[in-house]
Structures are given as C-alpha cells and as structure tokens.
Amino acid sequence: MRPQQSRSLVFLQQLGSGVREGYAALPGLEGTLAALYAGARRTWPDVALAEEDFLRHLAGCLPRDEDPARVLATVHAADLYLACACARGDAAALVTLERHVLPKAAGSVARLKASGVDPAEVFQLLRERLLVSEGDRPARMAEYQGGGPLAAWLRAAAVRTALNLQRAERRRAHAEEEAEALPLSPGAGMAEVELAYLRKNHREHFQAALSDALSALPTRERTVLRLHVVEGLSLERIGTMYQTHKSTVSRWVARAREAALEGTRQRLAERLRLTSGELHSLMRVVQGELDFSLPSLLSRPGSS
C-alpha cells in the first residue's frame, strides 16, 4: 500500500456525502482498515486481491444508516474479500470458494433431494448466476455485503434456486399434461379451411423466417440444438461435452426452441401483411411443423 493515510483516503472517497463524515471521524480508521485487510489475507492466503480494490469494495458494501464503528467491528471482511475476488473472476478465489465455502451450503439443498431437486444441478445453476457477469453488469457475487457469513448467504441463495427449479418443473409438467389433453384437430368447419389455406400459402415464408431465426440464435444454443435434433445426441452426452448437468442442457434446448419460434413470429409479422388473428392462427399451425423443419434447416452448411 502507498504511504500512511492512503487507506483511509481510498476508502472515504467511495463513500457519499453524509456518510463519509461519520467514518472520517472514527479514531484509528487507518489501523482498522489495515487490520481488516490483513485478516482477510490471513484467512484466504491463496487469494491475492489488491488492497485498494478491497477497500473500494468494502466501502461500497457498507450500510449507510448504521453506526460506523459498529459496522466495521461486525462486517465479515474476510468473506467480503473472497466474494470480491470471485466476482472479479480470480481463479484462486473460485477454487477457494469451491473447496471451503460451497460445501457448507450444500447440506440445505441435499435435504430437498427427496422432492426431485438435484443438488448438483442447483449448484451448477447457482454458479452460473453468481459467478458469470452479464454484459456490463458484474457477477452477482458482488451483491454480497458482508452482513453475515458468506456460507449462510450462499445457503439462502441455493435454497431459493432449488425452490425455483421445483416450481419450474411443476409448471413444465402441468403444461405437458395440458398439451396432451388438447384435441389433435386445430379446429373444424371454416376454421379448418382457413388454417389449411394459411398452411399452404405461407409454408415457404415460415421456412425462411425460421431459418433466419435459427441463424440469429447464440452460438451455444444453436450448436446444442443441432447436436440434439440433427445428430441425435442425448442430453446427458451433450452435458458431458459442456461439463454441465443434463437438466441444464434441457433448459438450453427448450430456450433455443422458444427463441426460434419467437424470432420466426417476429419475422413473419414484419414480412407478411396479416392481421393479428391471422398471424396467431398461422403460428398455431406452423408450431406443429417445427420438429419437421428443424433437422433440415440445422443440417444446412453454416448452420452450426
């Protein structure tokens, strides 16, 4: 670290007006900050995070309406240090998290296994949500504020993820049951004639729109869809290739299909002069042809 008082300066500069004054008035602030950093380094000796980066992160996480002395005395600085390094993608920090912290959060999810939740899938999804940044948004691990142990924070996040998976699986099963209960015929009488007309006259438009929608898919989703639909690889095999659980691959495939259909609908709406009712009817027809069209379109050169 640079000369004396620089720790306080770095820390205080991150605090807003009305908060900065309370911390600046603390006696021995420089020593307190130095001790917090030194303690974090001792706790996680394999993780190297610059002191200035830690102090800036610390200042950004502290509550603004509580007593400064009490806050600094109770903050879980070592866990905050590790979380900050993980959010930055530090390899040593990620290894440390896997070895020393995530196992402490596993027990709460293991108890839910009897309800159909796979703990391995839960933690894979949790890693994706907490440790992967999205565009300009930092990884969500940066949202941990040090008010309690990091392991407890991760336990709560893991349980929420598991419960969300449970609800999603129940909704999916319900949707499948409803779909199986629907009559095979889309309509009767004039409605049947209108649908046949749409199917005959807009098949080529649908094929072109679907081809463009598939080309616009992210590379991973398009590739996974091709591996599953064209090459016939199982979800488990694809999961092995991507080092993830087959349930995660199942969501990737479902998301790719939904995105392809939505992209097709948007392109048809732009290209055809159909009323909203006609477009709805056309999409109702062509959705049934999706599985027949995907293999040929994904097999074309340049589709992978």
C-alpha atoms as a PDB file:
ATOM      1  CA  MET A   1       0.000   0.000   0.000  1.00  0.00           C
ATOM      2  CA  ARG A   2       1.117   3.568  -0.507  1.00  0.00           C
ATOM      3  CA  PRO A   3       2.103   5.949   2.333  1.00  0.00           C
ATOM      4  CA  GLN A   4       0.177   6.384   5.576  1.00  0.00           C
ATOM      5  CA  GLN A   5      -3.399   7.722   5.318  1.00  0.00           C
ATOM      6  CA  SER A   6      -3.792   6.399   1.770  1.00  0.00           C
ATOM      7  CA  ARG A   7      -6.010   3.558   3.005  1.00  0.00           C
ATOM      8  CA  SER A   8      -8.425   5.999   4.601  1.00  0.00           C
ATOM      9  CA  LEU A   9      -8.361   8.202   1.517  1.00  0.00           C
ATOM     10  CA  VAL A  10      -9.188   5.331  -0.845  1.00  0.00           C
ATOM     11  CA  PHE A  11     -11.934   4.114   1.475  1.00  0.00           C
ATOM     12  CA  LEU A  12     -13.508   7.504   2.162  1.00  0.00           C
ATOM     13  CA  GLN A  13     -13.551   8.544  -1.476  1.00  0.00           C
ATOM     14  CA  GLN A  14     -16.029   5.723  -2.178  1.00  0.00           C
ATOM     15  CA  LEU A  15     -18.495   6.988   0.440  1.00  0.00           C
ATOM     16  CA  GLY A  16     -21.175   9.519  -0.325  1.00  0.00           C
ATOM     17  CA  SER A  17     -21.653  12.829   1.415  1.00  0.00           C
ATOM     18  CA  GLY A  18     -23.415  12.411   4.754  1.00  0.00           C
ATOM     19  CA  VAL A  19     -21.815   9.006   5.260  1.00  0.00           C
ATOM     20  CA  ARG A  20     -18.180   9.899   4.689  1.00  0.00           C
ATOM     21  CA  GLU A  21     -18.081  12.266   7.653  1.00  0.00           C
ATOM     22  CA  GLY A  22     -19.079   9.578  10.150  1.00  0.00           C
ATOM     23  CA  TYR A  23     -16.330   7.219   9.055  1.00  0.00           C
ATOM     24  CA  ALA A  24     -13.757  10.010   8.732  1.00  0.00           C
ATOM     25  CA  ALA A  25     -14.349  10.910  12.377  1.00  0.00           C
ATOM     26  CA  LEU A  26     -13.542   7.407  13.607  1.00  0.00           C
ATOM     27  CA  PRO A  27     -10.320   7.289  15.630  1.00  0.00           C
ATOM     28  CA  GLY A  28      -7.769   4.881  14.234  1.00  0.00           C
ATOM     29  CA  LEU A  29      -9.575   4.378  10.920  1.00  0.00           C
ATOM     30  CA  GLU A  30      -6.284   3.760   9.123  1.00  0.00           C
ATOM     31  CA  GLY A  31      -5.337   0.966  11.512  1.00  0.00           C
ATOM     32  CA  THR A  32      -8.816  -0.565  11.411  1.00  0.00           C
ATOM     33  CA  LEU A  33      -8.774  -0.768   7.624  1.00  0.00           C
ATOM     34  CA  ALA A  34      -5.264  -2.219   7.631  1.00  0.00           C
ATOM     35  CA  ALA A  35      -6.355  -4.881  10.147  1.00  0.00           C
ATOM     36  CA  LEU A  36      -9.418  -5.839   8.104  1.00  0.00           C
ATOM     37  CA  TYR A  37      -7.303  -6.351   5.007  1.00  0.00           C
ATOM     38  CA  ALA A  38      -4.566  -8.226   6.857  1.00  0.00           C
ATOM     39  CA  GLY A  39      -7.135 -10.508   8.490  1.00  0.00           C
ATOM     40  CA  ALA A  40      -8.698 -11.293   5.114  1.00  0.00           C
ATOM     41  CA  ARG A  41      -5.298 -12.159   3.645  1.00  0.00           C
ATOM     42  CA  ARG A  42      -4.571 -14.487   6.569  1.00  0.00           C
ATOM     43  CA  THR A  43      -7.937 -16.204   6.154  1.00  0.00           C
ATOM     44  CA  TRP A  44      -7.523 -16.718   2.409  1.00  0.00           C
ATOM     45  CA  PRO A  45      -3.749 -16.787   1.826  1.00  0.00           C
ATOM     46  CA  ASP A  46      -4.062 -18.210  -1.678  1.00  0.00           C
ATOM     47  CA  VAL A  47      -6.248 -15.328  -2.890  1.00  0.00           C
ATOM     48  CA  ALA A  48      -4.473 -12.165  -3.994  1.00  0.00           C
ATOM     49  CA  LEU A  49      -6.706  -9.091  -4.121  1.00  0.00           C
ATOM     50  CA  ALA A  50      -5.142  -5.632  -4.211  1.00  0.00           C
ATOM     51  CA  GLU A  51      -5.714  -3.655  -1.023  1.00  0.00           C
ATOM     52  CA  GLU A  52      -7.151  -0.668  -2.865  1.00  0.00           C
ATOM     53  CA  ASP A  53      -9.661  -2.892  -4.688  1.00  0.00           C
ATOM     54  CA  PHE A  54     -10.710  -4.461  -1.386  1.00  0.00           C
ATOM     55  CA  LEU A  55     -11.141  -1.090   0.320  1.00  0.00           C
ATOM     56  CA  ARG A  56     -13.229   0.294  -2.522  1.00  0.00           C
ATOM     57  CA  HIS A  57     -15.407  -2.794  -2.498  1.00  0.00           C
ATOM     58  CA  LEU A  58     -15.736  -2.658   1.283  1.00  0.00           C
ATOM     59  CA  ALA A  59     -16.846   0.964   1.174  1.00  0.00           C
ATOM     60  CA  GLY A  60     -19.429   0.175  -1.487  1.00  0.00           C
ATOM     61  CA  CYS A  61     -20.985  -2.608   0.596  1.00  0.00           C
ATOM     62  CA  LEU A  62     -21.387  -0.918   3.976  1.00  0.00           C
ATOM     63  CA  PRO A  63     -24.873   0.142   5.166  1.00  0.00           C
ATOM     64  CA  ARG A  64     -25.360   3.889   5.086  1.00  0.00           C
ATOM     65  CA  ASP A  65     -27.646   4.359   8.094  1.00  0.00           C
ATOM     66  CA  GLU A  66     -25.836   2.447  10.839  1.00  0.00           C
ATOM     67  CA  ASP A  67     -23.154   3.354  13.351  1.00  0.00           C
ATOM     68  CA  PRO A  68     -19.766   3.317  11.525  1.00  0.00           C
ATOM     69  CA  ALA A  69     -17.827   1.880  14.465  1.00  0.00           C
ATOM     70  CA  ARG A  70     -20.283  -0.980  14.912  1.00  0.00           C
ATOM     71  CA  VAL A  71     -20.361  -1.679  11.164  1.00  0.00           C
ATOM     72  CA  LEU A  72     -16.587  -2.005  10.868  1.00  0.00           C
ATOM     73  CA  ALA A  73     -16.449  -4.104  14.019  1.00  0.00           C
ATOM     74  CA  THR A  74     -19.015  -6.630  12.772  1.00  0.00           C
ATOM     75  CA  VAL A  75     -18.503  -6.778   8.998  1.00  0.00           C
ATOM     76  CA  HIS A  76     -17.346 -10.174   7.698  1.00  0.00           C
ATOM     77  CA  ALA A  77     -14.369  -8.654   5.958  1.00  0.00           C
ATOM     78  CA  ALA A  78     -12.613 -11.912   5.051  1.00  0.00           C
ATOM     79  CA  ASP A  79     -15.724 -13.269   3.322  1.00  0.00           C
ATOM     80  CA  LEU A  80     -16.227  -9.921   1.625  1.00  0.00           C
ATOM     81  CA  TYR A  81     -12.641 -10.110   0.395  1.00  0.00           C
ATOM     82  CA  LEU A  82     -13.228 -13.577  -1.084  1.00  0.00           C
ATOM     83  CA  ALA A  83     -16.551 -12.588  -2.666  1.00  0.00           C
ATOM     84  CA  CYS A  84     -14.962  -9.534  -4.277  1.00  0.00           C
ATOM     85  CA  ALA A  85     -12.173 -11.647  -5.766  1.00  0.00           C
ATOM     86  CA  CYS A  86     -14.708 -14.221  -7.027  1.00  0.00           C
ATOM     87  CA  ALA A  87     -16.825 -11.514  -8.643  1.00  0.00           C
ATOM     88  CA  ARG A  88     -13.681 -10.378 -10.472  1.00  0.00           C
ATOM     89  CA  GLY A  89     -13.147 -13.896 -11.791  1.00  0.00           C
ATOM     90  CA  ASP A  90      -9.959 -14.604  -9.841  1.00  0.00           C
ATOM     91  CA  ALA A  91      -9.084 -18.263 -10.419  1.00  0.00           C
ATOM     92  CA  ALA A  92      -7.619 -18.867  -6.964  1.00  0.00           C
ATOM     93  CA  ALA A  93     -10.677 -17.295  -5.347  1.00  0.00           C
ATOM     94  CA  LEU A  94     -13.021 -19.537  -7.322  1.00  0.00           C
ATOM     95  CA  VAL A  95     -11.062 -22.629  -6.279  1.00  0.00           C
ATOM     96  CA  THR A  96     -11.166 -21.464  -2.649  1.00  0.00           C
ATOM     97  CA  LEU A  97     -14.920 -20.920  -2.867  1.00  0.00           C
ATOM     98  CA  GLU A  98     -15.408 -24.444  -4.222  1.00  0.00           C
ATOM     99  CA  ARG A  99     -13.234 -26.082  -1.585  1.00  0.00           C
ATOM    100  CA  HIS A 100     -14.077 -24.163   1.556  1.00  0.00           C
ATOM    101  CA  VAL A 101     -17.390 -22.323   1.251  1.00  0.00           C
ATOM    102  CA  LEU A 102     -19.798 -24.038  -1.143  1.00  0.00           C
ATOM    103  CA  PRO A 103     -19.635 -27.379   0.738  1.00  0.00           C
ATOM    104  CA  LYS A 104     -21.008 -25.565   3.802  1.00  0.00           C
ATOM    105  CA  ALA A 105     -24.053 -24.554   1.776  1.00  0.00           C
ATOM    106  CA  ALA A 106     -24.674 -28.000   0.286  1.00  0.00           C
ATOM    107  CA  GLY A 107     -26.484 -29.546   3.243  1.00  0.00           C
ATOM    108  CA  SER A 108     -29.530 -27.293   2.980  1.00  0.00           C
ATOM    109  CA  VAL A 109     -30.091 -28.342  -0.642  1.00  0.00           C
ATOM    110  CA  ALA A 110     -29.371 -32.030  -0.039  1.00  0.00           C
ATOM    111  CA  ARG A 111     -32.427 -32.152   2.218  1.00  0.00           C
ATOM    112  CA  LEU A 112     -34.574 -31.178  -0.771  1.00  0.00           C
ATOM    113  CA  LYS A 113     -33.356 -34.072  -2.932  1.00  0.00           C
ATOM    114  CA  ALA A 114     -36.348 -36.209  -1.968  1.00  0.00           C
ATOM    115  CA  SER A 115     -38.610 -33.673  -3.696  1.00  0.00           C
ATOM    116  CA  GLY A 116     -36.881 -34.220  -7.030  1.00  0.00           C
ATOM    117  CA  VAL A 117     -34.246 -31.471  -6.876  1.00  0.00           C
ATOM    118  CA  ASP A 118     -30.748 -32.478  -7.952  1.00  0.00           C
ATOM    119  CA  PRO A 119     -28.197 -30.673  -5.728  1.00  0.00           C
ATOM    120  CA  ALA A 120     -25.581 -30.851  -8.489  1.00  0.00           C
ATOM    121  CA  GLU A 121     -27.921 -29.026 -10.854  1.00  0.00           C
ATOM    122  CA  VAL A 122     -28.781 -26.454  -8.210  1.00  0.00           C
ATOM    123  CA  PHE A 123     -25.155 -25.559  -7.599  1.00  0.00           C
ATOM    124  CA  GLN A 124     -24.317 -25.533 -11.296  1.00  0.00           C
ATOM    125  CA  LEU A 125     -27.128 -23.052 -11.850  1.00  0.00           C
ATOM    126  CA  LEU A 126     -26.050 -21.085  -8.775  1.00  0.00           C
ATOM    127  CA  ARG A 127     -22.503 -20.817 -10.156  1.00  0.00           C
ATOM    128  CA  GLU A 128     -23.839 -19.515 -13.451  1.00  0.00           C
ATOM    129  CA  ARG A 129     -25.999 -16.896 -11.737  1.00  0.00           C
ATOM    130  CA  LEU A 130     -23.477 -15.691  -9.152  1.00  0.00           C
ATOM    131  CA  LEU A 131     -20.126 -16.001 -10.886  1.00  0.00           C
ATOM    132  CA  VAL A 132     -20.837 -15.070 -14.508  1.00  0.00           C
ATOM    133  CA  SER A 133     -21.103 -11.413 -15.469  1.00  0.00           C
ATOM    134  CA  GLU A 134     -23.789 -10.300 -17.914  1.00  0.00           C
ATOM    135  CA  GLY A 135     -22.656  -7.579 -20.299  1.00  0.00           C
ATOM    136  CA  ASP A 136     -21.631  -4.540 -18.266  1.00  0.00           C
ATOM    137  CA  ARG A 137     -23.250  -5.946 -15.142  1.00  0.00           C
ATOM    138  CA  PRO A 138     -20.746  -7.511 -12.721  1.00  0.00           C
ATOM    139  CA  ALA A 139     -21.206 -11.023 -11.408  1.00  0.00           C
ATOM    140  CA  ARG A 140     -23.930 -11.183  -8.748  1.00  0.00           C
ATOM    141  CA  MET A 141     -21.428 -12.389  -6.166  1.00  0.00           C
ATOM    142  CA  ALA A 142     -20.577  -8.694  -5.832  1.00  0.00           C
ATOM    143  CA  GLU A 143     -24.016  -8.204  -4.227  1.00  0.00           C
ATOM    144  CA  TYR A 144     -22.885  -9.981  -1.037  1.00  0.00           C
ATOM    145  CA  GLN A 145     -22.414  -7.182   1.525  1.00  0.00           C
ATOM    146  CA  GLY A 146     -20.684  -8.912   4.417  1.00  0.00           C
ATOM    147  CA  GLY A 147     -23.525  -8.554   6.911  1.00  0.00           C
ATOM    148  CA  GLY A 148     -23.324 -12.271   7.730  1.00  0.00           C
ATOM    149  CA  PRO A 149     -21.150 -15.260   6.819  1.00  0.00           C
ATOM    150  CA  LEU A 150     -20.734 -15.866   3.101  1.00  0.00           C
ATOM    151  CA  ALA A 151     -21.675 -19.535   3.566  1.00  0.00           C
ATOM    152  CA  ALA A 152     -25.042 -18.524   5.057  1.00  0.00           C
ATOM    153  CA  TRP A 153     -25.671 -16.100   2.192  1.00  0.00           C
ATOM    154  CA  LEU A 154     -24.896 -18.865  -0.309  1.00  0.00           C
ATOM    155  CA  ARG A 155     -27.149 -21.314   1.562  1.00  0.00           C
ATOM    156  CA  ALA A 156     -30.069 -18.928   1.205  1.00  0.00           C
ATOM    157  CA  ALA A 157     -29.286 -18.389  -2.489  1.00  0.00           C
ATOM    158  CA  ALA A 158     -29.029 -22.148  -3.063  1.00  0.00           C
ATOM    159  CA  VAL A 159     -32.383 -22.833  -1.380  1.00  0.00           C
ATOM    160  CA  ARG A 160     -34.051 -20.094  -3.463  1.00  0.00           C
ATOM    161  CA  THR A 161     -32.560 -21.612  -6.611  1.00  0.00           C
ATOM    162  CA  ALA A 162     -33.748 -25.092  -5.637  1.00  0.00           C
ATOM    163  CA  LEU A 163     -37.284 -23.875  -4.918  1.00  0.00           C
ATOM    164  CA  ASN A 164     -37.372 -22.018  -8.243  1.00  0.00           C
ATOM    165  CA  LEU A 165     -36.336 -25.224 -10.009  1.00  0.00           C
ATOM    166  CA  GLN A 166     -39.102 -27.108  -8.219  1.00  0.00           C
ATOM    167  CA  ARG A 167     -41.704 -24.566  -9.323  1.00  0.00           C
ATOM    168  CA  ALA A 168     -40.371 -24.569 -12.900  1.00  0.00           C
ATOM    169  CA  GLU A 169     -40.553 -28.369 -13.082  1.00  0.00           C
ATOM    170  CA  ARG A 170     -44.111 -28.343 -11.725  1.00  0.00           C
ATOM    171  CA  ARG A 171     -45.148 -25.709 -14.305  1.00  0.00           C
ATOM    172  CA  ARG A 172     -43.480 -27.691 -17.098  1.00  0.00           C
ATOM    173  CA  ALA A 173     -45.214 -30.928 -16.052  1.00  0.00           C
ATOM    174  CA  HIS A 174     -48.564 -29.113 -15.852  1.00  0.00           C
ATOM    175  CA  ALA A 175     -48.060 -27.603 -19.313  1.00  0.00           C
ATOM    176  CA  GLU A 176     -47.219 -31.022 -20.752  1.00  0.00           C
ATOM    177  CA  GLU A 177     -50.358 -32.511 -19.201  1.00  0.00           C
ATOM    178  CA  GLU A 178     -52.485 -29.727 -20.684  1.00  0.00           C
ATOM    179  CA  ALA A 179     -50.850 -30.137 -24.094  1.00  0.00           C
ATOM    180  CA  GLU A 180     -51.557 -33.896 -24.081  1.00  0.00           C
ATOM    181  CA  ALA A 181     -55.196 -33.211 -23.223  1.00  0.00           C
ATOM    182  CA  LEU A 182     -55.740 -30.903 -26.224  1.00  0.00           C
ATOM    183  CA  PRO A 183     -57.632 -32.333 -29.232  1.00  0.00           C
ATOM    184  CA  LEU A 184     -55.471 -33.204 -32.221  1.00  0.00           C
ATOM    185  CA  SER A 185     -57.586 -31.244 -34.669  1.00  0.00           C
ATOM    186  CA  PRO A 186     -56.908 -27.458 -34.505  1.00  0.00           C
ATOM    187  CA  GLY A 187     -60.464 -26.637 -35.488  1.00  0.00           C
ATOM    188  CA  ALA A 188     -63.423 -27.593 -37.639  1.00  0.00           C
ATOM    189  CA  GLY A 189     -65.535 -26.198 -40.461  1.00  0.00           C
ATOM    190  CA  MET A 190     -64.459 -22.786 -41.778  1.00  0.00           C
ATOM    191  CA  ALA A 191     -61.703 -22.575 -39.184  1.00  0.00           C
ATOM    192  CA  GLU A 192     -60.179 -25.763 -40.598  1.00  0.00           C
ATOM    193  CA  VAL A 193     -60.371 -24.340 -44.129  1.00  0.00           C
ATOM    194  CA  GLU A 194     -58.693 -21.087 -43.076  1.00  0.00           C
ATOM    195  CA  LEU A 195     -55.867 -22.940 -41.333  1.00  0.00           C
ATOM    196  CA  ALA A 196     -55.320 -25.133 -44.379  1.00  0.00           C
ATOM    197  CA  TYR A 197     -55.115 -22.007 -46.533  1.00  0.00           C
ATOM    198  CA  LEU A 198     -52.518 -20.440 -44.208  1.00  0.00           C
ATOM    199  CA  ARG A 199     -50.514 -23.656 -44.112  1.00  0.00           C
ATOM    200  CA  LYS A 200     -50.438 -23.953 -47.916  1.00  0.00           C
ATOM    201  CA  ASN A 201     -49.710 -20.325 -48.805  1.00  0.00           C
ATOM    202  CA  HIS A 202     -47.199 -19.388 -46.115  1.00  0.00           C
ATOM    203  CA  ARG A 203     -45.127 -22.531 -45.695  1.00  0.00           C
ATOM    204  CA  GLU A 204     -42.193 -21.033 -47.620  1.00  0.00           C
ATOM    205  CA  HIS A 205     -42.412 -17.809 -45.611  1.00  0.00           C
ATOM    206  CA  PHE A 206     -42.303 -19.852 -42.418  1.00  0.00           C
ATOM    207  CA  GLN A 207     -39.283 -21.839 -43.578  1.00  0.00           C
ATOM    208  CA  ALA A 208     -37.384 -18.672 -44.481  1.00  0.00           C
ATOM    209  CA  ALA A 209     -38.309 -16.913 -41.241  1.00  0.00           C
ATOM    210  CA  LEU A 210     -37.357 -19.944 -39.147  1.00  0.00           C
ATOM    211  CA  SER A 211     -34.017 -20.252 -40.966  1.00  0.00           C
ATOM    212  CA  ASP A 212     -33.216 -16.616 -40.183  1.00  0.00           C
ATOM    213  CA  ALA A 213     -34.336 -17.041 -36.572  1.00  0.00           C
ATOM    214  CA  LEU A 214     -32.063 -20.064 -36.147  1.00  0.00           C
ATOM    215  CA  SER A 215     -29.132 -18.147 -37.591  1.00  0.00           C
ATOM    216  CA  ALA A 216     -29.730 -15.394 -35.036  1.00  0.00           C
ATOM    217  CA  LEU A 217     -29.520 -17.769 -32.057  1.00  0.00           C
ATOM    218  CA  PRO A 218     -26.425 -17.562 -29.830  1.00  0.00           C
ATOM    219  CA  THR A 219     -23.752 -19.993 -30.987  1.00  0.00           C
ATOM    220  CA  ARG A 220     -24.052 -22.285 -27.973  1.00  0.00           C
ATOM    221  CA  GLU A 221     -27.831 -22.645 -28.189  1.00  0.00           C
ATOM    222  CA  ARG A 222     -27.750 -23.247 -31.944  1.00  0.00           C
ATOM    223  CA  THR A 223     -24.982 -25.829 -31.566  1.00  0.00           C
ATOM    224  CA  VAL A 224     -26.713 -27.661 -28.707  1.00  0.00           C
ATOM    225  CA  LEU A 225     -29.975 -27.720 -30.664  1.00  0.00           C
ATOM    226  CA  ARG A 226     -28.171 -29.163 -33.715  1.00  0.00           C
ATOM    227  CA  LEU A 227     -26.382 -31.801 -31.645  1.00  0.00           C
ATOM    228  CA  HIS A 228     -29.673 -32.913 -30.113  1.00  0.00           C
ATOM    229  CA  VAL A 229     -32.016 -32.628 -33.107  1.00  0.00           C
ATOM    230  CA  VAL A 230     -29.746 -33.480 -36.048  1.00  0.00           C
ATOM    231  CA  GLU A 231     -27.019 -35.687 -34.590  1.00  0.00           C
ATOM    232  CA  GLY A 232     -29.296 -37.321 -32.067  1.00  0.00           C
ATOM    233  CA  LEU A 233     -27.023 -36.877 -29.062  1.00  0.00           C
ATOM    234  CA  SER A 234     -28.682 -37.376 -25.700  1.00  0.00           C
ATOM    235  CA  LEU A 235     -28.968 -34.519 -23.213  1.00  0.00           C
ATOM    236  CA  GLU A 236     -26.615 -36.412 -20.922  1.00  0.00           C
ATOM    237  CA  ARG A 237     -23.982 -36.747 -23.670  1.00  0.00           C
ATOM    238  CA  ILE A 238     -24.199 -33.054 -24.516  1.00  0.00           C
ATOM    239  CA  GLY A 239     -23.969 -32.253 -20.804  1.00  0.00           C
ATOM    240  CA  THR A 240     -20.729 -34.221 -20.645  1.00  0.00           C
ATOM    241  CA  MET A 241     -19.361 -32.233 -23.580  1.00  0.00           C
ATOM    242  CA  TYR A 242     -20.212 -28.935 -21.867  1.00  0.00           C
ATOM    243  CA  GLN A 243     -19.378 -30.210 -18.364  1.00  0.00           C
ATOM    244  CA  THR A 244     -22.841 -29.477 -17.047  1.00  0.00           C
ATOM    245  CA  HIS A 245     -25.938 -31.380 -15.915  1.00  0.00           C
ATOM    246  CA  LYS A 246     -28.348 -32.797 -18.479  1.00  0.00           C
ATOM    247  CA  SER A 247     -31.197 -30.769 -16.937  1.00  0.00           C
ATOM    248  CA  THR A 248     -29.253 -27.604 -17.743  1.00  0.00           C
ATOM    249  CA  VAL A 249     -28.880 -28.814 -21.341  1.00  0.00           C
ATOM    250  CA  SER A 250     -32.629 -29.491 -21.408  1.00  0.00           C
ATOM    251  CA  ARG A 251     -33.265 -25.855 -20.496  1.00  0.00           C
ATOM    252  CA  TRP A 252     -30.812 -24.718 -23.184  1.00  0.00           C
ATOM    253  CA  VAL A 253     -32.675 -26.759 -25.800  1.00  0.00           C
ATOM    254  CA  ALA A 254     -36.082 -25.511 -24.632  1.00  0.00           C
ATOM    255  CA  ARG A 255     -34.837 -21.914 -24.599  1.00  0.00           C
ATOM    256  CA  ALA A 256     -33.421 -22.299 -28.118  1.00  0.00           C
ATOM    257  CA  ARG A 257     -36.726 -23.665 -29.431  1.00  0.00           C
ATOM    258  CA  GLU A 258     -38.706 -20.864 -27.787  1.00  0.00           C
ATOM    259  CA  ALA A 259     -36.319 -18.225 -29.140  1.00  0.00           C
ATOM    260  CA  ALA A 260     -36.513 -19.737 -32.622  1.00  0.00           C
ATOM    261  CA  LEU A 261     -40.312 -19.649 -32.576  1.00  0.00           C
ATOM    262  CA  GLU A 262     -40.432 -16.104 -31.242  1.00  0.00           C
ATOM    263  CA  GLY A 263     -37.899 -14.983 -33.837  1.00  0.00           C
ATOM    264  CA  THR A 264     -39.958 -16.672 -36.540  1.00  0.00           C
ATOM    265  CA  ARG A 265     -43.124 -14.939 -35.364  1.00  0.00           C
ATOM    266  CA  GLN A 266     -41.433 -11.538 -35.391  1.00  0.00           C
ATOM    267  CA  ARG A 267     -40.055 -12.062 -38.885  1.00  0.00           C
ATOM    268  CA  LEU A 268     -43.404 -13.237 -40.222  1.00  0.00           C
ATOM    269  CA  ALA A 269     -45.083 -10.199 -38.688  1.00  0.00           C
ATOM    270  CA  GLU A 270     -42.586  -7.951 -40.477  1.00  0.00           C
ATOM    271  CA  ARG A 271     -42.765  -9.699 -43.856  1.00  0.00           C
ATOM    272  CA  LEU A 272     -46.455 -10.564 -44.194  1.00  0.00           C
ATOM    273  CA  ARG A 273     -49.473  -8.298 -44.155  1.00  0.00           C
ATOM    274  CA  LEU A 274     -51.512 -10.475 -41.829  1.00  0.00           C
ATOM    275  CA  THR A 275     -53.951  -9.385 -39.191  1.00  0.00           C
ATOM    276  CA  SER A 276     -53.048 -10.271 -35.619  1.00  0.00           C
ATOM    277  CA  GLY A 277     -55.667 -13.031 -35.772  1.00  0.00           C
ATOM    278  CA  GLU A 278     -54.207 -14.468 -38.967  1.00  0.00           C
ATOM    279  CA  LEU A 279     -50.692 -14.334 -37.548  1.00  0.00           C
ATOM    280  CA  HIS A 280     -51.859 -16.107 -34.401  1.00  0.00           C
ATOM    281  CA  SER A 281     -53.559 -18.793 -36.481  1.00  0.00           C
ATOM    282  CA  LEU A 282     -50.512 -19.223 -38.688  1.00  0.00           C
ATOM    283  CA  MET A 283     -48.221 -19.647 -35.683  1.00  0.00           C
ATOM    284  CA  ARG A 284     -50.642 -22.189 -34.255  1.00  0.00           C
ATOM    285  CA  VAL A 285     -50.273 -24.184 -37.456  1.00  0.00           C
ATOM    286  CA  VAL A 286     -46.537 -23.911 -38.002  1.00  0.00           C
ATOM    287  CA  GLN A 287     -45.608 -24.730 -34.422  1.00  0.00           C
ATOM    288  CA  GLY A 288     -46.660 -28.285 -35.215  1.00  0.00           C
ATOM    289  CA  GLU A 289     -44.230 -28.315 -38.150  1.00  0.00           C
ATOM    290  CA  LEU A 290     -41.282 -27.069 -36.135  1.00  0.00           C
ATOM    291  CA  ASP A 291     -39.912 -30.528 -35.356  1.00  0.00           C
ATOM    292  CA  PHE A 292     -40.115 -31.484 -39.042  1.00  0.00           C
ATOM    293  CA  SER A 293     -38.312 -28.327 -40.177  1.00  0.00           C
ATOM    294  CA  LEU A 294     -35.519 -28.118 -37.606  1.00  0.00           C
ATOM    295  CA  PRO A 295     -33.429 -31.118 -38.772  1.00  0.00           C
ATOM    296  CA  SER A 296     -33.221 -29.992 -42.387  1.00  0.00           C
ATOM    297  CA  LEU A 297     -32.549 -26.347 -41.557  1.00  0.00           C
ATOM    298  CA  LEU A 298     -29.920 -27.140 -38.900  1.00  0.00           C
ATOM    299  CA  SER A 299     -28.204 -29.581 -41.272  1.00  0.00           C
ATOM    300  CA  ARG A 300     -27.514 -26.896 -43.852  1.00  0.00           C
ATOM    301  CA  PRO A 301     -23.880 -25.739 -44.249  1.00  0.00           C
ATOM    302  CA  GLY A 302     -23.059 -22.834 -41.947  1.00  0.00           C
ATOM    303  CA  SER A 303     -25.890 -23.609 -39.537  1.00  0.00           C
ATOM    304  CA  SER A 304     -23.554 -24.700 -36.725  1.00  0.00           C
END
